[in-house]
Amino acid sequence: MLHGDDSVDILINGIKIERVRYVKFLGVYIDDYLRWDEHIQQITSKVAKNVGIVNKVKSLITSKLLLTLYNSLIVPYLSYCNMIWSLGSSTQLHKLIILQKRFVRITSNTNYLSHTDPLFYSLNLLKLTDIGQIQTLTFMYKYHHGVLPTTFVNYFCKVADVHSYLTRQSSSLHISYVRANQRKNTIKL
């Protein structure tokens, strides 16, 4: 959807580019407002299908095999590019979080109302939000140590780059004030 005049045509080498609501690029659905709705919906439906399959066979297999199924059927969906799409609002991620908790309860053979924090801990599993935090921390570690591709060399700026006053925070990263949710929900400060 466009705000205002939707008759604007974008041409590249004289060829009109068709406007679409979302596009799949390297396995990630990028929507027109960078809200990640389509990607999260796609992941949710795939994870829901796998949770349903495992729920039907849970009585036939061991809990060790259930963990193997979790790591092969669920974790890849939850971790692929998580640092990007999991920064959206928590309401978008709610169904996915519920499905992850459901799988953990199935694996632990506990009641569907059981509290999941101890279950995640006992199974040594990361929650969806933890996966995103670890990926972000890994990215920042690599940035700090200069092992990211050269595209990211000037991705962040320091407080000293913004003003010339010598303060205790001069070597810290500068955090810009932003209003738009798209910018708030990105790794770029």
N, C-alpha and C. Protein backbone atom coordinates (compact mmCIF):
# COMPACT_ATOMS: atom_id res chain seq x y z
N MET A 1 0.84 -1.18 0.00
CA MET A 1 0.00 0.00 0.00
C MET A 1 0.88 1.24 0.00
N LEU A 2 0.46 2.20 -0.73
CA LEU A 2 1.19 3.46 -0.77
C LEU A 2 0.40 4.52 -0.04
N HIS A 3 1.11 5.41 0.59
CA HIS A 3 0.46 6.56 1.21
C HIS A 3 0.44 7.67 0.17
N GLY A 4 -0.73 8.19 -0.10
CA GLY A 4 -0.82 9.29 -1.05
C GLY A 4 -0.92 8.78 -2.47
N ASP A 5 -0.14 9.39 -3.37
CA ASP A 5 -0.20 9.10 -4.79
C ASP A 5 0.48 7.77 -5.09
N ASP A 6 -0.31 6.78 -5.56
CA ASP A 6 0.28 5.48 -5.86
C ASP A 6 0.54 5.31 -7.35
N SER A 7 0.54 6.41 -8.11
CA SER A 7 0.76 6.33 -9.54
C SER A 7 2.22 6.57 -9.91
N VAL A 8 3.13 6.58 -8.95
CA VAL A 8 4.54 6.80 -9.22
C VAL A 8 5.13 5.53 -9.83
N ASP A 9 5.79 5.70 -10.96
CA ASP A 9 6.44 4.57 -11.62
C ASP A 9 7.94 4.66 -11.40
N ILE A 10 8.54 3.53 -11.07
CA ILE A 10 9.99 3.46 -10.93
C ILE A 10 10.52 2.68 -12.13
N LEU A 11 11.45 3.28 -12.83
CA LEU A 11 12.02 2.68 -14.02
C LEU A 11 13.51 2.42 -13.81
N ILE A 12 13.97 1.26 -14.24
CA ILE A 12 15.39 0.95 -14.26
C ILE A 12 15.70 0.51 -15.68
N ASN A 13 16.58 1.27 -16.33
CA ASN A 13 16.91 1.04 -17.74
C ASN A 13 15.66 0.99 -18.61
N GLY A 14 14.69 1.84 -18.31
CA GLY A 14 13.47 1.94 -19.09
C GLY A 14 12.44 0.86 -18.81
N ILE A 15 12.71 -0.01 -17.86
CA ILE A 15 11.78 -1.08 -17.52
C ILE A 15 11.08 -0.73 -16.21
N LYS A 16 9.74 -0.77 -16.25
CA LYS A 16 8.95 -0.42 -15.07
C LYS A 16 9.08 -1.53 -14.01
N ILE A 17 9.36 -1.12 -12.79
CA ILE A 17 9.45 -2.05 -11.67
C ILE A 17 8.08 -2.16 -11.01
N GLU A 18 7.56 -3.37 -10.96
CA GLU A 18 6.25 -3.60 -10.36
C GLU A 18 6.35 -3.56 -8.84
N ARG A 19 5.44 -2.85 -8.21
CA ARG A 19 5.41 -2.77 -6.76
C ARG A 19 4.69 -4.01 -6.21
N VAL A 20 5.33 -4.68 -5.25
CA VAL A 20 4.74 -5.86 -4.62
C VAL A 20 4.71 -5.65 -3.11
N ARG A 21 3.84 -6.40 -2.46
CA ARG A 21 3.70 -6.28 -1.00
C ARG A 21 4.90 -6.86 -0.28
N TYR A 22 5.47 -7.94 -0.81
CA TYR A 22 6.66 -8.55 -0.21
C TYR A 22 7.41 -9.31 -1.29
N VAL A 23 8.67 -9.60 -0.98
CA VAL A 23 9.51 -10.38 -1.88
C VAL A 23 10.36 -11.32 -1.03
N LYS A 24 10.61 -12.51 -1.57
CA LYS A 24 11.46 -13.47 -0.87
C LYS A 24 12.88 -13.32 -1.41
N PHE A 25 13.82 -13.03 -0.52
CA PHE A 25 15.22 -12.85 -0.91
C PHE A 25 16.10 -13.66 0.04
N LEU A 26 16.80 -14.64 -0.49
CA LEU A 26 17.67 -15.52 0.29
C LEU A 26 16.94 -16.16 1.47
N GLY A 27 15.68 -16.54 1.25
CA GLY A 27 14.92 -17.22 2.28
C GLY A 27 14.24 -16.31 3.28
N VAL A 28 14.36 -14.99 3.11
CA VAL A 28 13.75 -14.04 4.03
C VAL A 28 12.70 -13.24 3.26
N TYR A 29 11.49 -13.17 3.80
CA TYR A 29 10.43 -12.39 3.19
C TYR A 29 10.55 -10.94 3.67
N ILE A 30 10.82 -10.05 2.74
CA ILE A 30 10.97 -8.63 3.05
C ILE A 30 9.71 -7.94 2.58
N ASP A 31 8.97 -7.34 3.51
CA ASP A 31 7.74 -6.67 3.12
C ASP A 31 7.99 -5.18 2.85
N ASP A 32 6.99 -4.52 2.28
CA ASP A 32 7.17 -3.16 1.81
C ASP A 32 7.37 -2.13 2.92
N TYR A 33 7.08 -2.46 4.17
CA TYR A 33 7.31 -1.53 5.28
C TYR A 33 8.34 -2.05 6.29
N LEU A 34 9.05 -3.11 5.94
CA LEU A 34 10.07 -3.73 6.80
C LEU A 34 9.54 -4.06 8.19
N ARG A 35 8.32 -4.56 8.24
CA ARG A 35 7.74 -5.00 9.51
C ARG A 35 7.93 -6.49 9.73
N TRP A 36 8.33 -7.22 8.72
CA TRP A 36 8.62 -8.65 8.78
C TRP A 36 7.39 -9.50 9.02
N ASP A 37 6.20 -8.94 8.80
CA ASP A 37 4.96 -9.68 9.01
C ASP A 37 4.90 -10.96 8.19
N GLU A 38 5.19 -10.85 6.91
CA GLU A 38 5.11 -12.01 6.02
C GLU A 38 6.13 -13.07 6.41
N HIS A 39 7.33 -12.66 6.75
CA HIS A 39 8.37 -13.63 7.13
C HIS A 39 7.97 -14.37 8.41
N ILE A 40 7.52 -13.64 9.40
CA ILE A 40 7.12 -14.26 10.66
C ILE A 40 5.93 -15.18 10.44
N GLN A 41 5.00 -14.77 9.58
CA GLN A 41 3.84 -15.62 9.28
C GLN A 41 4.28 -16.91 8.58
N GLN A 42 5.22 -16.82 7.66
CA GLN A 42 5.73 -18.01 6.96
C GLN A 42 6.43 -18.96 7.95
N ILE A 43 7.26 -18.41 8.81
CA ILE A 43 7.96 -19.22 9.80
C ILE A 43 6.97 -19.87 10.75
N THR A 44 5.99 -19.10 11.19
CA THR A 44 4.99 -19.61 12.13
C THR A 44 4.24 -20.79 11.53
N SER A 45 3.86 -20.70 10.27
CA SER A 45 3.11 -21.82 9.67
C SER A 45 3.99 -23.06 9.53
N LYS A 46 5.27 -22.89 9.19
CA LYS A 46 6.17 -24.04 9.07
C LYS A 46 6.44 -24.68 10.43
N VAL A 47 6.67 -23.85 11.44
CA VAL A 47 6.92 -24.37 12.78
C VAL A 47 5.67 -25.05 13.32
N ALA A 48 4.50 -24.46 13.09
CA ALA A 48 3.24 -25.05 13.56
C ALA A 48 3.03 -26.43 12.96
N LYS A 49 3.34 -26.58 11.68
CA LYS A 49 3.20 -27.88 11.02
C LYS A 49 4.13 -28.90 11.67
N ASN A 50 5.37 -28.51 11.93
CA ASN A 50 6.33 -29.43 12.53
C ASN A 50 5.97 -29.77 13.97
N VAL A 51 5.47 -28.80 14.73
CA VAL A 51 5.02 -29.07 16.11
C VAL A 51 3.86 -30.05 16.09
N GLY A 52 2.95 -29.89 15.15
CA GLY A 52 1.81 -30.81 15.04
C GLY A 52 2.25 -32.23 14.73
N ILE A 53 3.21 -32.37 13.82
CA ILE A 53 3.72 -33.70 13.46
C ILE A 53 4.37 -34.36 14.67
N VAL A 54 5.21 -33.61 15.37
CA VAL A 54 5.91 -34.16 16.53
C VAL A 54 4.92 -34.51 17.64
N ASN A 55 3.89 -33.71 17.80
CA ASN A 55 2.89 -33.98 18.83
C ASN A 55 2.20 -35.33 18.58
N LYS A 56 2.03 -35.68 17.32
CA LYS A 56 1.37 -36.95 16.99
C LYS A 56 2.27 -38.17 17.24
N VAL A 57 3.58 -37.99 17.13
CA VAL A 57 4.49 -39.13 17.29
C VAL A 57 5.23 -39.12 18.62
N LYS A 58 4.90 -38.19 19.51
CA LYS A 58 5.66 -38.04 20.76
C LYS A 58 5.66 -39.29 21.62
N SER A 59 4.59 -40.06 21.59
CA SER A 59 4.53 -41.25 22.43
C SER A 59 5.34 -42.41 21.85
N LEU A 60 5.77 -42.29 20.61
CA LEU A 60 6.51 -43.36 19.95
C LEU A 60 8.02 -43.20 20.00
N ILE A 61 8.49 -42.01 20.43
CA ILE A 61 9.93 -41.76 20.40
C ILE A 61 10.42 -41.24 21.76
N THR A 62 11.72 -41.31 21.98
CA THR A 62 12.31 -40.88 23.25
C THR A 62 12.44 -39.36 23.29
N SER A 63 12.66 -38.83 24.50
CA SER A 63 12.83 -37.38 24.64
C SER A 63 14.13 -36.93 23.98
N LYS A 64 15.13 -37.79 23.93
CA LYS A 64 16.39 -37.43 23.25
C LYS A 64 16.14 -37.25 21.75
N LEU A 65 15.33 -38.12 21.19
CA LEU A 65 14.98 -38.00 19.78
C LEU A 65 14.09 -36.77 19.54
N LEU A 66 13.23 -36.46 20.51
CA LEU A 66 12.41 -35.25 20.41
C LEU A 66 13.30 -34.00 20.37
N LEU A 67 14.36 -33.99 21.17
CA LEU A 67 15.29 -32.86 21.14
C LEU A 67 16.01 -32.78 19.79
N THR A 68 16.35 -33.93 19.24
CA THR A 68 16.98 -33.95 17.92
C THR A 68 16.02 -33.39 16.87
N LEU A 69 14.76 -33.77 16.97
CA LEU A 69 13.75 -33.24 16.05
C LEU A 69 13.59 -31.73 16.23
N TYR A 70 13.62 -31.27 17.48
CA TYR A 70 13.53 -29.83 17.75
C TYR A 70 14.68 -29.09 17.07
N ASN A 71 15.90 -29.64 17.24
CA ASN A 71 17.07 -28.99 16.66
C ASN A 71 17.10 -29.04 15.14
N SER A 72 16.43 -30.02 14.55
CA SER A 72 16.43 -30.11 13.09
C SER A 72 15.19 -29.51 12.43
N LEU A 73 14.05 -29.54 13.11
CA LEU A 73 12.81 -29.05 12.51
C LEU A 73 12.41 -27.64 12.94
N ILE A 74 12.86 -27.19 14.10
CA ILE A 74 12.40 -25.91 14.63
C ILE A 74 13.52 -24.87 14.67
N VAL A 75 14.65 -25.22 15.23
CA VAL A 75 15.75 -24.26 15.43
C VAL A 75 16.19 -23.57 14.14
N PRO A 76 16.31 -24.26 13.00
CA PRO A 76 16.72 -23.54 11.79
C PRO A 76 15.79 -22.40 11.43
N TYR A 77 14.49 -22.58 11.60
CA TYR A 77 13.53 -21.52 11.30
C TYR A 77 13.66 -20.37 12.29
N LEU A 78 13.88 -20.71 13.56
CA LEU A 78 13.96 -19.67 14.59
C LEU A 78 15.27 -18.89 14.53
N SER A 79 16.32 -19.50 14.00
CA SER A 79 17.62 -18.84 14.06
C SER A 79 18.07 -18.19 12.76
N TYR A 80 17.51 -18.57 11.62
CA TYR A 80 17.97 -18.00 10.35
C TYR A 80 17.59 -16.52 10.26
N CYS A 81 18.58 -15.67 10.26
CA CYS A 81 18.42 -14.20 10.18
C CYS A 81 17.58 -13.64 11.33
N ASN A 82 17.57 -14.34 12.45
CA ASN A 82 16.78 -13.92 13.61
C ASN A 82 17.13 -12.50 14.05
N MET A 83 18.38 -12.14 13.96
CA MET A 83 18.83 -10.82 14.39
C MET A 83 18.09 -9.71 13.64
N ILE A 84 17.61 -10.00 12.46
CA ILE A 84 16.92 -9.00 11.66
C ILE A 84 15.42 -9.00 11.93
N TRP A 85 14.76 -10.14 11.76
CA TRP A 85 13.31 -10.15 11.83
C TRP A 85 12.74 -10.23 13.24
N SER A 86 13.54 -10.67 14.22
CA SER A 86 12.98 -10.78 15.58
C SER A 86 12.98 -9.45 16.33
N LEU A 87 13.51 -8.42 15.71
CA LEU A 87 13.51 -7.10 16.35
C LEU A 87 12.17 -6.39 16.19
N GLY A 88 11.23 -7.02 15.52
CA GLY A 88 9.89 -6.45 15.37
C GLY A 88 9.15 -6.45 16.70
N SER A 89 7.91 -6.07 16.65
CA SER A 89 7.15 -5.99 17.89
C SER A 89 6.88 -7.37 18.47
N SER A 90 6.71 -7.42 19.77
CA SER A 90 6.48 -8.70 20.43
C SER A 90 5.13 -9.31 20.06
N THR A 91 4.17 -8.48 19.64
CA THR A 91 2.87 -9.03 19.25
C THR A 91 2.99 -9.85 17.97
N GLN A 92 3.90 -9.47 17.07
CA GLN A 92 4.11 -10.25 15.85
C GLN A 92 4.72 -11.61 16.18
N LEU A 93 5.57 -11.65 17.18
CA LEU A 93 6.30 -12.87 17.51
C LEU A 93 5.54 -13.78 18.48
N HIS A 94 4.42 -13.32 18.99
CA HIS A 94 3.69 -14.04 20.05
C HIS A 94 3.35 -15.48 19.64
N LYS A 95 2.79 -15.70 18.45
CA LYS A 95 2.41 -17.05 18.03
C LYS A 95 3.63 -17.96 17.92
N LEU A 96 4.73 -17.41 17.44
CA LEU A 96 5.95 -18.19 17.30
C LEU A 96 6.51 -18.57 18.66
N ILE A 97 6.46 -17.65 19.61
CA ILE A 97 6.92 -17.93 20.98
C ILE A 97 6.04 -19.01 21.62
N ILE A 98 4.74 -18.92 21.40
CA ILE A 98 3.80 -19.91 21.94
C ILE A 98 4.10 -21.30 21.35
N LEU A 99 4.37 -21.36 20.05
CA LEU A 99 4.70 -22.64 19.42
C LEU A 99 5.99 -23.22 19.96
N GLN A 100 6.99 -22.37 20.18
CA GLN A 100 8.24 -22.86 20.75
C GLN A 100 8.01 -23.41 22.15
N LYS A 101 7.21 -22.72 22.95
CA LYS A 101 6.90 -23.21 24.30
C LYS A 101 6.14 -24.53 24.23
N ARG A 102 5.23 -24.64 23.27
CA ARG A 102 4.46 -25.88 23.13
C ARG A 102 5.38 -27.06 22.82
N PHE A 103 6.34 -26.83 21.94
CA PHE A 103 7.28 -27.90 21.60
C PHE A 103 8.11 -28.29 22.82
N VAL A 104 8.53 -27.33 23.61
CA VAL A 104 9.32 -27.62 24.81
C VAL A 104 8.49 -28.42 25.80
N ARG A 105 7.22 -28.10 25.93
CA ARG A 105 6.34 -28.87 26.82
C ARG A 105 6.16 -30.29 26.30
N ILE A 106 6.03 -30.45 24.98
CA ILE A 106 5.91 -31.78 24.39
C ILE A 106 7.18 -32.59 24.68
N THR A 107 8.33 -31.97 24.46
CA THR A 107 9.61 -32.64 24.67
C THR A 107 9.79 -33.04 26.13
N SER A 108 9.33 -32.20 27.04
CA SER A 108 9.47 -32.47 28.47
C SER A 108 8.37 -33.36 29.01
N ASN A 109 7.37 -33.64 28.18
CA ASN A 109 6.22 -34.44 28.59
C ASN A 109 5.55 -33.83 29.82
N THR A 110 5.29 -32.53 29.76
CA THR A 110 4.63 -31.82 30.86
C THR A 110 3.26 -31.31 30.42
N ASN A 111 2.53 -30.82 31.38
CA ASN A 111 1.20 -30.26 31.16
C ASN A 111 1.28 -29.06 30.23
N TYR A 112 0.23 -28.82 29.46
CA TYR A 112 0.23 -27.70 28.51
C TYR A 112 0.21 -26.34 29.19
N LEU A 113 -0.01 -26.30 30.51
CA LEU A 113 0.01 -25.04 31.25
C LEU A 113 1.28 -24.87 32.09
N SER A 114 2.22 -25.80 31.97
CA SER A 114 3.45 -25.74 32.77
C SER A 114 4.26 -24.51 32.40
N HIS A 115 4.91 -23.95 33.42
CA HIS A 115 5.79 -22.80 33.21
C HIS A 115 7.01 -23.29 32.43
N THR A 116 7.42 -22.55 31.39
CA THR A 116 8.45 -23.06 30.48
C THR A 116 9.87 -22.62 30.81
N ASP A 117 10.06 -21.59 31.63
CA ASP A 117 11.44 -21.17 31.93
C ASP A 117 12.29 -22.31 32.48
N PRO A 118 11.79 -23.06 33.48
CA PRO A 118 12.61 -24.19 33.97
C PRO A 118 12.80 -25.27 32.91
N LEU A 119 11.83 -25.43 32.02
CA LEU A 119 11.95 -26.45 30.98
C LEU A 119 13.04 -26.08 29.97
N PHE A 120 13.06 -24.81 29.55
CA PHE A 120 14.12 -24.35 28.65
C PHE A 120 15.49 -24.56 29.30
N TYR A 121 15.55 -24.23 30.58
CA TYR A 121 16.82 -24.36 31.31
C TYR A 121 17.26 -25.82 31.42
N SER A 122 16.33 -26.69 31.80
CA SER A 122 16.69 -28.11 31.98
C SER A 122 17.04 -28.78 30.66
N LEU A 123 16.43 -28.34 29.56
CA LEU A 123 16.74 -28.92 28.25
C LEU A 123 17.92 -28.22 27.57
N ASN A 124 18.41 -27.16 28.22
CA ASN A 124 19.54 -26.39 27.68
C ASN A 124 19.21 -25.81 26.31
N LEU A 125 18.02 -25.20 26.20
CA LEU A 125 17.55 -24.61 24.95
C LEU A 125 17.43 -23.09 25.09
N LEU A 126 17.59 -22.41 23.98
CA LEU A 126 17.44 -20.95 23.96
C LEU A 126 16.04 -20.58 23.50
N LYS A 127 15.49 -19.55 24.12
CA LYS A 127 14.21 -19.00 23.68
C LYS A 127 14.44 -18.18 22.42
N LEU A 128 13.36 -17.88 21.73
CA LEU A 128 13.43 -17.10 20.50
C LEU A 128 14.15 -15.78 20.72
N THR A 129 13.82 -15.08 21.79
CA THR A 129 14.46 -13.79 22.05
C THR A 129 15.94 -13.94 22.40
N ASP A 130 16.28 -15.04 23.07
CA ASP A 130 17.69 -15.30 23.40
C ASP A 130 18.52 -15.54 22.14
N ILE A 131 17.94 -16.22 21.17
CA ILE A 131 18.64 -16.47 19.91
C ILE A 131 18.97 -15.14 19.24
N GLY A 132 18.00 -14.22 19.22
CA GLY A 132 18.23 -12.90 18.63
C GLY A 132 19.28 -12.11 19.38
N GLN A 133 19.26 -12.19 20.70
CA GLN A 133 20.27 -11.47 21.49
C GLN A 133 21.67 -12.02 21.25
N ILE A 134 21.80 -13.33 21.17
CA ILE A 134 23.11 -13.92 20.93
C ILE A 134 23.62 -13.54 19.54
N GLN A 135 22.74 -13.55 18.55
CA GLN A 135 23.17 -13.15 17.21
C GLN A 135 23.59 -11.68 17.18
N THR A 136 22.87 -10.83 17.89
CA THR A 136 23.22 -9.41 17.94
C THR A 136 24.54 -9.22 18.67
N LEU A 137 24.73 -9.90 19.78
CA LEU A 137 25.99 -9.80 20.53
C LEU A 137 27.17 -10.31 19.70
N THR A 138 26.95 -11.38 18.96
CA THR A 138 28.00 -11.92 18.09
C THR A 138 28.36 -10.90 17.00
N PHE A 139 27.33 -10.28 16.43
CA PHE A 139 27.56 -9.25 15.41
C PHE A 139 28.37 -8.09 15.99
N MET A 140 27.99 -7.62 17.18
CA MET A 140 28.70 -6.49 17.79
C MET A 140 30.13 -6.88 18.17
N TYR A 141 30.33 -8.09 18.63
CA TYR A 141 31.68 -8.56 18.94
C TYR A 141 32.54 -8.54 17.67
N LYS A 142 31.99 -9.08 16.60
CA LYS A 142 32.73 -9.10 15.33
C LYS A 142 32.99 -7.69 14.82
N TYR A 143 32.01 -6.79 15.02
CA TYR A 143 32.20 -5.40 14.61
C TYR A 143 33.35 -4.77 15.41
N HIS A 144 33.30 -4.97 16.70
CA HIS A 144 34.32 -4.38 17.59
C HIS A 144 35.72 -4.89 17.27
N HIS A 145 35.83 -6.15 16.85
CA HIS A 145 37.13 -6.74 16.55
C HIS A 145 37.49 -6.66 15.06
N GLY A 146 36.65 -6.00 14.27
CA GLY A 146 36.95 -5.76 12.86
C GLY A 146 36.97 -6.99 11.98
N VAL A 147 36.13 -7.96 12.29
CA VAL A 147 36.12 -9.17 11.46
C VAL A 147 34.87 -9.28 10.58
N LEU A 148 34.08 -8.23 10.52
CA LEU A 148 32.93 -8.20 9.62
C LEU A 148 33.40 -7.75 8.23
N PRO A 149 32.59 -7.99 7.21
CA PRO A 149 32.95 -7.49 5.87
C PRO A 149 33.14 -5.96 5.88
N THR A 150 33.87 -5.45 4.92
CA THR A 150 34.20 -4.02 4.88
C THR A 150 32.95 -3.13 4.77
N THR A 151 31.84 -3.67 4.35
CA THR A 151 30.58 -2.92 4.29
C THR A 151 30.23 -2.33 5.66
N PHE A 152 30.62 -3.00 6.72
CA PHE A 152 30.23 -2.60 8.07
C PHE A 152 31.29 -1.76 8.79
N VAL A 153 32.36 -1.39 8.12
CA VAL A 153 33.44 -0.64 8.79
C VAL A 153 32.92 0.64 9.43
N ASN A 154 32.11 1.40 8.73
CA ASN A 154 31.57 2.66 9.25
C ASN A 154 30.08 2.56 9.57
N TYR A 155 29.63 1.38 9.92
CA TYR A 155 28.20 1.15 10.16
C TYR A 155 27.71 1.90 11.40
N PHE A 156 28.54 1.99 12.42
CA PHE A 156 28.19 2.69 13.65
C PHE A 156 29.14 3.87 13.81
N CYS A 157 28.71 4.87 14.58
CA CYS A 157 29.63 5.97 14.89
C CYS A 157 29.76 6.10 16.40
N LYS A 158 30.88 6.65 16.83
CA LYS A 158 31.15 6.82 18.25
C LYS A 158 30.71 8.21 18.70
N VAL A 159 30.56 8.37 20.00
CA VAL A 159 30.17 9.66 20.56
C VAL A 159 31.17 10.73 20.16
N ALA A 160 32.45 10.39 20.11
CA ALA A 160 33.49 11.35 19.73
C ALA A 160 33.32 11.85 18.30
N ASP A 161 32.66 11.06 17.44
CA ASP A 161 32.42 11.47 16.06
C ASP A 161 31.28 12.49 15.97
N VAL A 162 30.41 12.52 16.98
CA VAL A 162 29.25 13.39 16.96
C VAL A 162 29.57 14.77 17.53
N HIS A 163 30.36 14.82 18.59
CA HIS A 163 30.78 16.11 19.16
C HIS A 163 32.23 16.03 19.61
N SER A 164 32.86 17.17 19.78
CA SER A 164 34.29 17.20 20.06
C SER A 164 34.64 17.26 21.55
N TYR A 165 33.63 17.21 22.42
CA TYR A 165 33.91 17.26 23.86
C TYR A 165 34.50 15.94 24.33
N LEU A 166 35.51 16.02 25.15
CA LEU A 166 36.13 14.83 25.70
C LEU A 166 35.35 14.41 26.94
N THR A 167 34.64 13.30 26.83
CA THR A 167 33.84 12.79 27.94
C THR A 167 34.21 11.34 28.20
N ARG A 168 33.68 10.79 29.29
CA ARG A 168 33.95 9.38 29.60
C ARG A 168 33.33 8.46 28.56
N GLN A 169 32.31 8.93 27.87
CA GLN A 169 31.61 8.11 26.89
C GLN A 169 32.11 8.32 25.47
N SER A 170 33.20 9.06 25.29
CA SER A 170 33.70 9.39 23.95
C SER A 170 33.95 8.17 23.08
N SER A 171 34.40 7.09 23.66
CA SER A 171 34.71 5.90 22.87
C SER A 171 33.50 4.95 22.74
N SER A 172 32.39 5.29 23.37
CA SER A 172 31.17 4.47 23.27
C SER A 172 30.47 4.73 21.94
N LEU A 173 29.61 3.79 21.55
CA LEU A 173 28.84 3.98 20.33
C LEU A 173 27.74 5.01 20.57
N HIS A 174 27.52 5.84 19.57
CA HIS A 174 26.48 6.87 19.65
C HIS A 174 25.13 6.26 19.31
N ILE A 175 24.15 6.49 20.16
CA ILE A 175 22.79 6.00 19.93
C ILE A 175 21.94 7.18 19.50
N SER A 176 21.46 7.13 18.27
CA SER A 176 20.65 8.21 17.72
C SER A 176 19.22 8.12 18.23
N TYR A 177 18.59 9.28 18.35
CA TYR A 177 17.17 9.31 18.69
C TYR A 177 16.37 9.07 17.42
N VAL A 178 15.45 8.13 17.45
CA VAL A 178 14.61 7.84 16.29
C VAL A 178 13.15 7.78 16.71
N ARG A 179 12.28 8.10 15.78
CA ARG A 179 10.85 8.04 16.06
C ARG A 179 10.18 6.86 15.37
N ALA A 180 10.62 6.54 14.18
CA ALA A 180 9.97 5.50 13.39
C ALA A 180 10.25 4.11 13.97
N ASN A 181 9.23 3.28 14.03
CA ASN A 181 9.38 1.93 14.55
C ASN A 181 10.32 1.10 13.70
N GLN A 182 10.30 1.33 12.36
CA GLN A 182 11.22 0.58 11.51
C GLN A 182 12.67 0.82 11.93
N ARG A 183 12.99 2.03 12.30
CA ARG A 183 14.36 2.35 12.70
C ARG A 183 14.62 1.89 14.14
N LYS A 184 13.62 1.96 15.00
CA LYS A 184 13.79 1.49 16.38
C LYS A 184 14.08 0.01 16.42
N ASN A 185 13.49 -0.72 15.47
CA ASN A 185 13.61 -2.17 15.47
C ASN A 185 14.71 -2.67 14.55
N THR A 186 15.81 -1.92 14.47
CA THR A 186 16.95 -2.37 13.68
C THR A 186 18.18 -2.40 14.57
N ILE A 187 19.20 -3.06 14.11
CA ILE A 187 20.44 -3.13 14.89
C ILE A 187 21.22 -1.83 14.78
N LYS A 188 21.01 -1.08 13.71
CA LYS A 188 21.74 0.17 13.52
C LYS A 188 21.32 1.16 14.58
N LEU A 189 22.31 1.71 15.29
CA LEU A 189 22.02 2.63 16.39
C LEU A 189 21.75 4.04 15.89
